[in-house]
Amino acid sequence: MEGGGRADGGLIHGEGARGHMNDRSSAVPAEALREILDAHGQWLKSAKARGKRADLRGADLANADLKGVDLRRARLVRATLSGADLRGARLATGLS
């Protein structure tokens, strides 16, 4: 995931890695989002033994580069994804 080239300096709006996002948005560096998503990937791959589930409730992820990110089981309630690049991202598990 890349944060470069964004007019806002690579900032994502929300609370950051400390907990879920809230209605009072604050700028979160793209690096913090990267850390959240890396931990989420570990959480998924390890069947919850390592890492941490991504809690991005209420996060402003508008225009974020989320290409190829595995967002299955991430908490995204009220997250703004307008204009986010979701090419190749996984958002749902298969129904089997």
PDB file of N, CA and C in Angstrom:
ATOM      1  N   MET A   1       0.857  -1.171   0.000  1.00  0.00           N
ATOM      2  CA  MET A   1       0.000   0.000   0.000  1.00  0.00           C
ATOM      3  C   MET A   1       0.892   1.219   0.000  1.00  0.00           C
ATOM      4  N   GLU A   2       0.604   2.179  -0.804  1.00  0.00           N
ATOM      5  CA  GLU A   2       1.408   3.385  -0.910  1.00  0.00           C
ATOM      6  C   GLU A   2       0.608   4.593  -0.456  1.00  0.00           C
ATOM      7  N   GLY A   3       1.269   5.553   0.208  1.00  0.00           N
ATOM      8  CA  GLY A   3       0.603   6.775   0.635  1.00  0.00           C
ATOM      9  C   GLY A   3       1.105   7.970  -0.138  1.00  0.00           C
ATOM     10  N   GLY A   4       2.125   7.772  -0.981  1.00  0.00           N
ATOM     11  CA  GLY A   4       2.725   8.885  -1.696  1.00  0.00           C
ATOM     12  C   GLY A   4       1.815   9.468  -2.745  1.00  0.00           C
ATOM     13  N   GLY A   5       2.059  10.714  -3.096  1.00  0.00           N
ATOM     14  CA  GLY A   5       1.326  11.366  -4.159  1.00  0.00           C
ATOM     15  C   GLY A   5      -0.038  11.894  -3.753  1.00  0.00           C
ATOM     16  N   ARG A   6      -0.383  11.792  -2.501  1.00  0.00           N
ATOM     17  CA  ARG A   6      -1.677  12.283  -2.061  1.00  0.00           C
ATOM     18  C   ARG A   6      -1.539  13.725  -1.618  1.00  0.00           C
ATOM     19  N   ALA A   7      -2.529  14.517  -1.942  1.00  0.00           N
ATOM     20  CA  ALA A   7      -2.494  15.937  -1.607  1.00  0.00           C
ATOM     21  C   ALA A   7      -2.470  16.169  -0.103  1.00  0.00           C
ATOM     22  N   ASP A   8      -2.966  15.210   0.679  1.00  0.00           N
ATOM     23  CA  ASP A   8      -3.021  15.392   2.126  1.00  0.00           C
ATOM     24  C   ASP A   8      -1.796  14.813   2.830  1.00  0.00           C
ATOM     25  N   GLY A   9      -0.731  14.538   2.085  1.00  0.00           N
ATOM     26  CA  GLY A   9       0.497  14.045   2.689  1.00  0.00           C
ATOM     27  C   GLY A   9       0.416  12.592   3.137  1.00  0.00           C
ATOM     28  N   GLY A  10      -0.518  11.824   2.562  1.00  0.00           N
ATOM     29  CA  GLY A  10      -0.634  10.421   2.920  1.00  0.00           C
ATOM     30  C   GLY A  10      -1.373  10.194   4.213  1.00  0.00           C
ATOM     31  N   LEU A  11      -2.245  11.099   4.598  1.00  0.00           N
ATOM     32  CA  LEU A  11      -2.973  10.969   5.858  1.00  0.00           C
ATOM     33  C   LEU A  11      -4.320  10.312   5.636  1.00  0.00           C
ATOM     34  N   ILE A  12      -4.695   9.479   6.572  1.00  0.00           N
ATOM     35  CA  ILE A  12      -6.003   8.861   6.617  1.00  0.00           C
ATOM     36  C   ILE A  12      -6.681   9.467   7.833  1.00  0.00           C
ATOM     37  N   HIS A  13      -7.969   9.749   7.741  1.00  0.00           N
ATOM     38  CA  HIS A  13      -8.652  10.407   8.850  1.00  0.00           C
ATOM     39  C   HIS A  13      -9.329   9.398   9.749  1.00  0.00           C
ATOM     40  N   GLY A  14      -9.122   9.514  11.033  1.00  0.00           N
ATOM     41  CA  GLY A  14      -9.705   8.626  12.019  1.00  0.00           C
ATOM     42  C   GLY A  14      -8.835   8.605  13.260  1.00  0.00           C
ATOM     43  N   GLU A  15      -9.037   7.616  14.116  1.00  0.00           N
ATOM     44  CA  GLU A  15      -8.310   7.580  15.375  1.00  0.00           C
ATOM     45  C   GLU A  15      -6.952   6.910  15.258  1.00  0.00           C
ATOM     46  N   GLY A  16      -6.788   5.992  14.342  1.00  0.00           N
ATOM     47  CA  GLY A  16      -5.499   5.341  14.173  1.00  0.00           C
ATOM     48  C   GLY A  16      -5.450   3.967  14.778  1.00  0.00           C
ATOM     49  N   ALA A  17      -4.260   3.518  15.131  1.00  0.00           N
ATOM     50  CA  ALA A  17      -4.052   2.143  15.555  1.00  0.00           C
ATOM     51  C   ALA A  17      -4.526   1.869  16.980  1.00  0.00           C
ATOM     52  N   ARG A  18      -4.899   2.882  17.754  1.00  0.00           N
ATOM     53  CA  ARG A  18      -5.250   2.667  19.158  1.00  0.00           C
ATOM     54  C   ARG A  18      -6.599   1.996  19.338  1.00  0.00           C
ATOM     55  N   GLY A  19      -7.521   2.154  18.444  1.00  0.00           N
ATOM     56  CA  GLY A  19      -8.845   1.578  18.621  1.00  0.00           C
ATOM     57  C   GLY A  19      -9.658   1.845  17.385  1.00  0.00           C
ATOM     58  N   HIS A  20     -10.972   1.744  17.531  1.00  0.00           N
ATOM     59  CA  HIS A  20     -11.779   1.986  16.346  1.00  0.00           C
ATOM     60  C   HIS A  20     -11.894   3.481  16.084  1.00  0.00           C
ATOM     61  N   MET A  21     -12.236   3.801  14.856  1.00  0.00           N
ATOM     62  CA  MET A  21     -12.353   5.193  14.452  1.00  0.00           C
ATOM     63  C   MET A  21     -13.624   5.762  15.075  1.00  0.00           C
ATOM     64  N   ASN A  22     -13.660   7.063  15.221  1.00  0.00           N
ATOM     65  CA  ASN A  22     -14.845   7.667  15.810  1.00  0.00           C
ATOM     66  C   ASN A  22     -15.349   8.799  14.923  1.00  0.00           C
ATOM     67  N   ASP A  23     -16.457   9.411  15.317  1.00  0.00           N
ATOM     68  CA  ASP A  23     -17.044  10.471  14.507  1.00  0.00           C
ATOM     69  C   ASP A  23     -16.152  11.696  14.431  1.00  0.00           C
ATOM     70  N   ARG A  24     -15.329  11.892  15.433  1.00  0.00           N
ATOM     71  CA  ARG A  24     -14.423  13.035  15.453  1.00  0.00           C
ATOM     72  C   ARG A  24     -13.134  12.642  14.740  1.00  0.00           C
ATOM     73  N   SER A  25     -13.060  12.925  13.450  1.00  0.00           N
ATOM     74  CA  SER A  25     -11.918  12.491  12.657  1.00  0.00           C
ATOM     75  C   SER A  25     -10.677  13.304  12.967  1.00  0.00           C
ATOM     76  N   SER A  26      -9.562  12.604  12.998  1.00  0.00           N
ATOM     77  CA  SER A  26      -8.267  13.249  13.073  1.00  0.00           C
ATOM     78  C   SER A  26      -7.401  12.581  12.021  1.00  0.00           C
ATOM     79  N   ALA A  27      -6.366  13.264  11.593  1.00  0.00           N
ATOM     80  CA  ALA A  27      -5.520  12.732  10.534  1.00  0.00           C
ATOM     81  C   ALA A  27      -4.654  11.599  11.070  1.00  0.00           C
ATOM     82  N   VAL A  28      -4.605  10.497  10.341  1.00  0.00           N
ATOM     83  CA  VAL A  28      -3.777   9.350  10.687  1.00  0.00           C
ATOM     84  C   VAL A  28      -2.798   9.135   9.532  1.00  0.00           C
ATOM     85  N   PRO A  29      -1.520   9.049   9.822  1.00  0.00           N
ATOM     86  CA  PRO A  29      -0.554   8.828   8.748  1.00  0.00           C
ATOM     87  C   PRO A  29      -0.819   7.506   8.027  1.00  0.00           C
ATOM     88  N   ALA A  30      -0.549   7.494   6.737  1.00  0.00           N
ATOM     89  CA  ALA A  30      -0.734   6.280   5.943  1.00  0.00           C
ATOM     90  C   ALA A  30       0.084   5.137   6.529  1.00  0.00           C
ATOM     91  N   GLU A  31       1.206   5.449   7.172  1.00  0.00           N
ATOM     92  CA  GLU A  31       2.034   4.409   7.801  1.00  0.00           C
ATOM     93  C   GLU A  31       1.255   3.681   8.889  1.00  0.00           C
ATOM     94  N   ALA A  32       0.422   4.397   9.656  1.00  0.00           N
ATOM     95  CA  ALA A  32      -0.390   3.758  10.693  1.00  0.00           C
ATOM     96  C   ALA A  32      -1.395   2.803  10.066  1.00  0.00           C
ATOM     97  N   LEU A  33      -1.996   3.196   8.952  1.00  0.00           N
ATOM     98  CA  LEU A  33      -2.930   2.320   8.249  1.00  0.00           C
ATOM     99  C   LEU A  33      -2.190   1.090   7.754  1.00  0.00           C
ATOM    100  N   ARG A  34      -1.004   1.283   7.234  1.00  0.00           N
ATOM    101  CA  ARG A  34      -0.197   0.157   6.750  1.00  0.00           C
ATOM    102  C   ARG A  34       0.059  -0.834   7.893  1.00  0.00           C
ATOM    103  N   GLU A  35       0.381  -0.320   9.077  1.00  0.00           N
ATOM    104  CA  GLU A  35       0.627  -1.185  10.234  1.00  0.00           C
ATOM    105  C   GLU A  35      -0.636  -1.955  10.631  1.00  0.00           C
ATOM    106  N   ILE A  36      -1.771  -1.275  10.628  1.00  0.00           N
ATOM    107  CA  ILE A  36      -3.049  -1.915  10.945  1.00  0.00           C
ATOM    108  C   ILE A  36      -3.324  -3.041   9.958  1.00  0.00           C
ATOM    109  N   LEU A  37      -3.113  -2.761   8.663  1.00  0.00           N
ATOM    110  CA  LEU A  37      -3.405  -3.760   7.636  1.00  0.00           C
ATOM    111  C   LEU A  37      -2.405  -4.909   7.658  1.00  0.00           C
ATOM    112  N   ASP A  38      -1.151  -4.627   7.983  1.00  0.00           N
ATOM    113  CA  ASP A  38      -0.161  -5.698   8.112  1.00  0.00           C
ATOM    114  C   ASP A  38      -0.536  -6.626   9.262  1.00  0.00           C
ATOM    115  N   ALA A  39      -0.910  -6.047  10.408  1.00  0.00           N
ATOM    116  CA  ALA A  39      -1.317  -6.845  11.565  1.00  0.00           C
ATOM    117  C   ALA A  39      -2.569  -7.658  11.244  1.00  0.00           C
ATOM    118  N   HIS A  40      -3.471  -7.072  10.460  1.00  0.00           N
ATOM    119  CA  HIS A  40      -4.697  -7.769  10.061  1.00  0.00           C
ATOM    120  C   HIS A  40      -4.348  -8.965   9.169  1.00  0.00           C
ATOM    121  N   GLY A  41      -3.416  -8.769   8.253  1.00  0.00           N
ATOM    122  CA  GLY A  41      -2.985  -9.869   7.391  1.00  0.00           C
ATOM    123  C   GLY A  41      -2.401 -11.013   8.208  1.00  0.00           C
ATOM    124  N   GLN A  42      -1.604 -10.686   9.216  1.00  0.00           N
ATOM    125  CA  GLN A  42      -1.039 -11.709  10.103  1.00  0.00           C
ATOM    126  C   GLN A  42      -2.148 -12.436  10.864  1.00  0.00           C
ATOM    127  N   TRP A  43      -3.130 -11.658  11.317  1.00  0.00           N
ATOM    128  CA  TRP A  43      -4.261 -12.206  12.065  1.00  0.00           C
ATOM    129  C   TRP A  43      -5.022 -13.215  11.220  1.00  0.00           C
ATOM    130  N   LEU A  44      -5.261 -12.857   9.943  1.00  0.00           N
ATOM    131  CA  LEU A  44      -5.972 -13.764   9.052  1.00  0.00           C
ATOM    132  C   LEU A  44      -5.155 -15.025   8.755  1.00  0.00           C
ATOM    133  N   LYS A  45      -3.894 -14.835   8.423  1.00  0.00           N
ATOM    134  CA  LYS A  45      -3.042 -15.969   8.025  1.00  0.00           C
ATOM    135  C   LYS A  45      -2.755 -16.923   9.173  1.00  0.00           C
ATOM    136  N   SER A  46      -2.749 -16.415  10.393  1.00  0.00           N
ATOM    137  CA  SER A  46      -2.422 -17.252  11.555  1.00  0.00           C
ATOM    138  C   SER A  46      -3.660 -17.784  12.263  1.00  0.00           C
ATOM    139  N   ALA A  47      -4.827 -17.624  11.655  1.00  0.00           N
ATOM    140  CA  ALA A  47      -6.084 -18.052  12.289  1.00  0.00           C
ATOM    141  C   ALA A  47      -6.226 -17.424  13.677  1.00  0.00           C
ATOM    142  N   LYS A  48      -5.942 -16.127  13.761  1.00  0.00           N
ATOM    143  CA  LYS A  48      -6.116 -15.296  14.957  1.00  0.00           C
ATOM    144  C   LYS A  48      -5.042 -15.493  16.028  1.00  0.00           C
ATOM    145  N   ALA A  49      -3.994 -16.271  15.740  1.00  0.00           N
ATOM    146  CA  ALA A  49      -2.954 -16.521  16.735  1.00  0.00           C
ATOM    147  C   ALA A  49      -1.978 -15.349  16.854  1.00  0.00           C
ATOM    148  N   ARG A  50      -1.766 -14.625  15.772  1.00  0.00           N
ATOM    149  CA  ARG A  50      -0.846 -13.480  15.757  1.00  0.00           C
ATOM    150  C   ARG A  50      -1.562 -12.290  15.127  1.00  0.00           C
ATOM    151  N   GLY A  51      -0.987 -11.138  15.281  1.00  0.00           N
ATOM    152  CA  GLY A  51      -1.552  -9.941  14.680  1.00  0.00           C
ATOM    153  C   GLY A  51      -2.802  -9.476  15.396  1.00  0.00           C
ATOM    154  N   LYS A  52      -3.580  -8.667  14.705  1.00  0.00           N
ATOM    155  CA  LYS A  52      -4.783  -8.089  15.297  1.00  0.00           C
ATOM    156  C   LYS A  52      -5.781  -7.782  14.194  1.00  0.00           C
ATOM    157  N   ARG A  53      -7.048  -8.032  14.468  1.00  0.00           N
ATOM    158  CA  ARG A  53      -8.111  -7.732  13.514  1.00  0.00           C
ATOM    159  C   ARG A  53      -8.170  -6.231  13.276  1.00  0.00           C
ATOM    160  N   ALA A  54      -8.250  -5.825  12.011  1.00  0.00           N
ATOM    161  CA  ALA A  54      -8.320  -4.402  11.666  1.00  0.00           C
ATOM    162  C   ALA A  54      -9.657  -3.830  12.114  1.00  0.00           C
ATOM    163  N   ASP A  55      -9.601  -2.776  12.882  1.00  0.00           N
ATOM    164  CA  ASP A  55     -10.794  -2.080  13.347  1.00  0.00           C
ATOM    165  C   ASP A  55     -10.757  -0.686  12.760  1.00  0.00           C
ATOM    166  N   LEU A  56     -11.412  -0.537  11.623  1.00  0.00           N
ATOM    167  CA  LEU A  56     -11.408   0.729  10.897  1.00  0.00           C
ATOM    168  C   LEU A  56     -12.800   1.339  10.855  1.00  0.00           C
ATOM    169  N   ARG A  57     -13.591   1.067  11.883  1.00  0.00           N
ATOM    170  CA  ARG A  57     -14.948   1.631  11.945  1.00  0.00           C
ATOM    171  C   ARG A  57     -14.868   3.151  11.918  1.00  0.00           C
ATOM    172  N   GLY A  58     -15.592   3.739  10.975  1.00  0.00           N
ATOM    173  CA  GLY A  58     -15.660   5.188  10.855  1.00  0.00           C
ATOM    174  C   GLY A  58     -14.436   5.827  10.232  1.00  0.00           C
ATOM    175  N   ALA A  59     -13.488   5.031   9.761  1.00  0.00           N
ATOM    176  CA  ALA A  59     -12.260   5.586   9.176  1.00  0.00           C
ATOM    177  C   ALA A  59     -12.550   6.260   7.837  1.00  0.00           C
ATOM    178  N   ASP A  60     -11.866   7.344   7.585  1.00  0.00           N
ATOM    179  CA  ASP A  60     -11.940   7.999   6.286  1.00  0.00           C
ATOM    180  C   ASP A  60     -10.828   7.413   5.427  1.00  0.00           C
ATOM    181  N   LEU A  61     -11.190   6.460   4.593  1.00  0.00           N
ATOM    182  CA  LEU A  61     -10.242   5.801   3.699  1.00  0.00           C
ATOM    183  C   LEU A  61     -10.439   6.266   2.261  1.00  0.00           C
ATOM    184  N   ALA A  62     -11.088   7.416   2.099  1.00  0.00           N
ATOM    185  CA  ALA A  62     -11.327   7.958   0.758  1.00  0.00           C
ATOM    186  C   ALA A  62      -9.997   8.127   0.047  1.00  0.00           C
ATOM    187  N   ASN A  63      -9.955   7.658  -1.184  1.00  0.00           N
ATOM    188  CA  ASN A  63      -8.789   7.769  -2.060  1.00  0.00           C
ATOM    189  C   ASN A  63      -7.575   6.980  -1.574  1.00  0.00           C
ATOM    190  N   ALA A  64      -7.741   6.109  -0.595  1.00  0.00           N
ATOM    191  CA  ALA A  64      -6.626   5.303  -0.098  1.00  0.00           C
ATOM    192  C   ALA A  64      -6.232   4.251  -1.125  1.00  0.00           C
ATOM    193  N   ASP A  65      -4.958   3.912  -1.153  1.00  0.00           N
ATOM    194  CA  ASP A  65      -4.454   2.855  -2.017  1.00  0.00           C
ATOM    195  C   ASP A  65      -4.567   1.539  -1.265  1.00  0.00           C
ATOM    196  N   LEU A  66      -5.599   0.779  -1.567  1.00  0.00           N
ATOM    197  CA  LEU A  66      -5.854  -0.494  -0.904  1.00  0.00           C
ATOM    198  C   LEU A  66      -5.753  -1.655  -1.896  1.00  0.00           C
ATOM    199  N   LYS A  67      -4.999  -1.456  -2.968  1.00  0.00           N
ATOM    200  CA  LYS A  67      -4.837  -2.493  -3.981  1.00  0.00           C
ATOM    201  C   LYS A  67      -4.292  -3.773  -3.358  1.00  0.00           C
ATOM    202  N   GLY A  68      -4.999  -4.878  -3.628  1.00  0.00           N
ATOM    203  CA  GLY A  68      -4.537  -6.184  -3.202  1.00  0.00           C
ATOM    204  C   GLY A  68      -4.602  -6.457  -1.706  1.00  0.00           C
ATOM    205  N   VAL A  69      -5.178  -5.552  -0.932  1.00  0.00           N
ATOM    206  CA  VAL A  69      -5.243  -5.721   0.528  1.00  0.00           C
ATOM    207  C   VAL A  69      -6.352  -6.712   0.881  1.00  0.00           C
ATOM    208  N   ASP A  70      -6.063  -7.585   1.818  1.00  0.00           N
ATOM    209  CA  ASP A  70      -7.055  -8.551   2.286  1.00  0.00           C
ATOM    210  C   ASP A  70      -7.825  -7.915   3.442  1.00  0.00           C
ATOM    211  N   LEU A  71      -9.046  -7.495   3.171  1.00  0.00           N
ATOM    212  CA  LEU A  71      -9.886  -6.827   4.166  1.00  0.00           C
ATOM    213  C   LEU A  71     -10.974  -7.744   4.717  1.00  0.00           C
ATOM    214  N   ARG A  72     -10.867  -9.039   4.425  1.00  0.00           N
ATOM    215  CA  ARG A  72     -11.863  -9.961   4.966  1.00  0.00           C
ATOM    216  C   ARG A  72     -11.875  -9.861   6.483  1.00  0.00           C
ATOM    217  N   ARG A  73     -13.069  -9.807   7.054  1.00  0.00           N
ATOM    218  CA  ARG A  73     -13.302  -9.750   8.498  1.00  0.00           C
ATOM    219  C   ARG A  73     -12.832  -8.460   9.160  1.00  0.00           C
ATOM    220  N   ALA A  74     -12.346  -7.489   8.376  1.00  0.00           N
ATOM    221  CA  ALA A  74     -11.987  -6.190   8.953  1.00  0.00           C
ATOM    222  C   ALA A  74     -13.265  -5.475   9.357  1.00  0.00           C
ATOM    223  N   ARG A  75     -13.194  -4.728  10.425  1.00  0.00           N
ATOM    224  CA  ARG A  75     -14.348  -3.934  10.866  1.00  0.00           C
ATOM    225  C   ARG A  75     -14.335  -2.627  10.091  1.00  0.00           C
ATOM    226  N   LEU A  76     -15.305  -2.474   9.193  1.00  0.00           N
ATOM    227  CA  LEU A  76     -15.355  -1.319   8.293  1.00  0.00           C
ATOM    228  C   LEU A  76     -16.676  -0.560   8.380  1.00  0.00           C
ATOM    229  N   VAL A  77     -17.448  -0.771   9.436  1.00  0.00           N
ATOM    230  CA  VAL A  77     -18.731  -0.080   9.575  1.00  0.00           C
ATOM    231  C   VAL A  77     -18.500   1.426   9.553  1.00  0.00           C
ATOM    232  N   ARG A  78     -19.251   2.106   8.733  1.00  0.00           N
ATOM    233  CA  ARG A  78     -19.190   3.559   8.553  1.00  0.00           C
ATOM    234  C   ARG A  78     -17.849   4.075   8.033  1.00  0.00           C
ATOM    235  N   ALA A  79     -17.016   3.190   7.524  1.00  0.00           N
ATOM    236  CA  ALA A  79     -15.761   3.634   6.900  1.00  0.00           C
ATOM    237  C   ALA A  79     -16.084   4.237   5.544  1.00  0.00           C
ATOM    238  N   THR A  80     -15.392   5.285   5.186  1.00  0.00           N
ATOM    239  CA  THR A  80     -15.571   5.929   3.892  1.00  0.00           C
ATOM    240  C   THR A  80     -14.537   5.353   2.934  1.00  0.00           C
ATOM    241  N   LEU A  81     -15.023   4.748   1.848  1.00  0.00           N
ATOM    242  CA  LEU A  81     -14.144   4.135   0.855  1.00  0.00           C
ATOM    243  C   LEU A  81     -14.260   4.817  -0.505  1.00  0.00           C
ATOM    244  N   SER A  82     -14.905   5.965  -0.546  1.00  0.00           N
ATOM    245  CA  SER A  82     -15.092   6.685  -1.812  1.00  0.00           C
ATOM    246  C   SER A  82     -13.756   6.961  -2.479  1.00  0.00           C
ATOM    247  N   GLY A  83     -13.634   6.526  -3.709  1.00  0.00           N
ATOM    248  CA  GLY A  83     -12.426   6.794  -4.474  1.00  0.00           C
ATOM    249  C   GLY A  83     -11.238   5.937  -4.091  1.00  0.00           C
ATOM    250  N   ALA A  84     -11.398   5.045  -3.108  1.00  0.00           N
ATOM    251  CA  ALA A  84     -10.291   4.166  -2.714  1.00  0.00           C
ATOM    252  C   ALA A  84     -10.005   3.185  -3.842  1.00  0.00           C
ATOM    253  N   ASP A  85      -8.742   2.881  -4.053  1.00  0.00           N
ATOM    254  CA  ASP A  85      -8.350   1.917  -5.071  1.00  0.00           C
ATOM    255  C   ASP A  85      -8.414   0.533  -4.447  1.00  0.00           C
ATOM    256  N   LEU A  86      -9.455  -0.214  -4.785  1.00  0.00           N
ATOM    257  CA  LEU A  86      -9.699  -1.526  -4.209  1.00  0.00           C
ATOM    258  C   LEU A  86      -9.427  -2.654  -5.205  1.00  0.00           C
ATOM    259  N   ARG A  87      -8.689  -2.357  -6.277  1.00  0.00           N
ATOM    260  CA  ARG A  87      -8.392  -3.403  -7.269  1.00  0.00           C
ATOM    261  C   ARG A  87      -7.654  -4.552  -6.607  1.00  0.00           C
ATOM    262  N   GLY A  88      -8.217  -5.745  -6.758  1.00  0.00           N
ATOM    263  CA  GLY A  88      -7.602  -6.936  -6.210  1.00  0.00           C
ATOM    264  C   GLY A  88      -7.773  -7.116  -4.710  1.00  0.00           C
ATOM    265  N   ALA A  89      -8.464  -6.186  -4.046  1.00  0.00           N
ATOM    266  CA  ALA A  89      -8.677  -6.296  -2.605  1.00  0.00           C
ATOM    267  C   ALA A  89      -9.716  -7.389  -2.328  1.00  0.00           C
ATOM    268  N   ARG A  90      -9.553  -8.055  -1.207  1.00  0.00           N
ATOM    269  CA  ARG A  90     -10.508  -9.071  -0.789  1.00  0.00           C
ATOM    270  C   ARG A  90     -11.373  -8.477   0.309  1.00  0.00           C
ATOM    271  N   LEU A  91     -12.674  -8.419   0.056  1.00  0.00           N
ATOM    272  CA  LEU A  91     -13.591  -7.804   1.007  1.00  0.00           C
ATOM    273  C   LEU A  91     -14.535  -8.793   1.672  1.00  0.00           C
ATOM    274  N   ALA A  92     -14.725  -9.938   1.100  1.00  0.00           N
ATOM    275  CA  ALA A  92     -15.671 -10.905   1.649  1.00  0.00           C
ATOM    276  C   ALA A  92     -15.116 -12.305   1.478  1.00  0.00           C
ATOM    277  N   THR A  93     -15.519 -13.181   2.376  1.00  0.00           N
ATOM    278  CA  THR A  93     -15.136 -14.581   2.239  1.00  0.00           C
ATOM    279  C   THR A  93     -16.145 -15.266   1.339  1.00  0.00           C
ATOM    280  N   GLY A  94     -15.721 -16.338   0.735  1.00  0.00           N
ATOM    281  CA  GLY A  94     -16.613 -17.085  -0.136  1.00  0.00           C
ATOM    282  C   GLY A  94     -17.701 -17.789   0.649  1.00  0.00           C
ATOM    283  N   LEU A  95     -18.800 -18.022   0.007  1.00  0.00           N
ATOM    284  CA  LEU A  95     -19.913 -18.720   0.641  1.00  0.00           C
ATOM    285  C   LEU A  95     -19.801 -20.188   0.258  1.00  0.00           C
ATOM    286  N   SER A  96     -19.330 -20.992   1.189  1.00  0.00           N
ATOM    287  CA  SER A  96     -19.225 -22.425   0.893  1.00  0.00           C
ATOM    288  C   SER A  96     -19.624 -23.249   2.079  1.00  0.00           C
TER     289      SER A  96
END
